Amino acid sequence: MIMLTVNEIHHWLAWLVYVLVWGWAEQKVAQSLNLKAKHWILIIGVLLLIDALILFMFH
């Protein structure tokens, strides 16, 4: 029971770090391409959703 909780916490922390790193990288790419704020927020949102789904499917 305790081990399961530790594994769940580790899983969520890994997912959070993954999302933050991808979000930062995608924001830098959007800034380098001079995309307007609304566009890159939409792009980042869609890509993070896809990234999260892939992470959960292969974990």
Protein backbone atom coordinates (compact mmCIF):
# COMPACT_ATOMS: atom_id res chain seq x y z
CA MET A 1 0.00 0.00 0.00
CA ILE A 2 2.72 2.48 0.95
CA MET A 3 4.86 1.38 -2.01
CA LEU A 4 1.93 1.92 -4.36
CA THR A 5 1.49 5.45 -3.02
CA VAL A 6 5.20 6.20 -3.46
CA ASN A 7 5.05 4.87 -7.03
CA GLU A 8 1.99 7.00 -7.78
CA ILE A 9 3.68 10.12 -6.37
CA HIS A 10 6.83 9.36 -8.39
CA HIS A 11 4.71 8.85 -11.51
CA TRP A 12 2.90 12.17 -11.08
CA LEU A 13 6.14 14.05 -10.34
CA ALA A 14 7.75 12.55 -13.44
CA TRP A 15 4.71 13.55 -15.49
CA LEU A 16 4.75 17.09 -14.08
CA VAL A 17 8.47 17.54 -14.86
CA TYR A 18 7.90 16.13 -18.34
CA VAL A 19 5.05 18.56 -19.02
CA LEU A 20 7.00 21.54 -17.66
CA VAL A 21 10.07 20.75 -19.76
CA TRP A 22 7.97 20.26 -22.91
CA GLY A 23 6.02 23.44 -22.20
CA TRP A 24 9.22 25.44 -21.80
CA ALA A 25 10.76 23.98 -24.96
CA GLU A 26 7.62 24.55 -27.02
CA GLN A 27 7.36 28.13 -25.75
CA LYS A 28 10.96 28.79 -26.85
CA VAL A 29 10.23 27.34 -30.30
CA ALA A 30 7.09 29.46 -30.60
CA GLN A 31 9.02 32.58 -29.58
CA SER A 32 11.78 31.85 -32.09
CA LEU A 33 9.13 31.52 -34.82
CA ASN A 34 7.57 34.83 -33.71
CA LEU A 35 4.12 33.31 -33.22
CA LYS A 36 1.53 35.46 -31.53
CA ALA A 37 0.64 34.58 -27.93
CA LYS A 38 -2.78 33.12 -28.75
CA HIS A 39 -1.32 30.87 -31.42
CA TRP A 40 1.51 29.41 -29.38
CA ILE A 41 -0.71 28.90 -26.33
CA LEU A 42 -3.07 26.85 -28.51
CA ILE A 43 -0.18 24.91 -30.09
CA ILE A 44 1.42 24.21 -26.69
CA GLY A 45 -1.92 23.08 -25.25
CA VAL A 46 -2.53 20.61 -28.06
CA LEU A 47 1.03 19.28 -28.00
CA LEU A 48 1.03 18.87 -24.22
CA LEU A 49 -2.25 16.96 -24.42
CA ILE A 50 -0.76 14.63 -27.05
CA ASP A 51 2.44 14.29 -25.01
CA ALA A 52 0.49 13.42 -21.86
CA LEU A 53 -1.60 10.81 -23.67
CA ILE A 54 1.52 9.20 -25.14
CA LEU A 55 3.23 9.19 -21.74
CA PHE A 56 0.24 7.52 -20.07
CA MET A 57 -0.14 4.94 -22.85
CA PHE A 58 3.49 3.81 -22.67
CA HIS A 59 3.98 4.03 -18.91
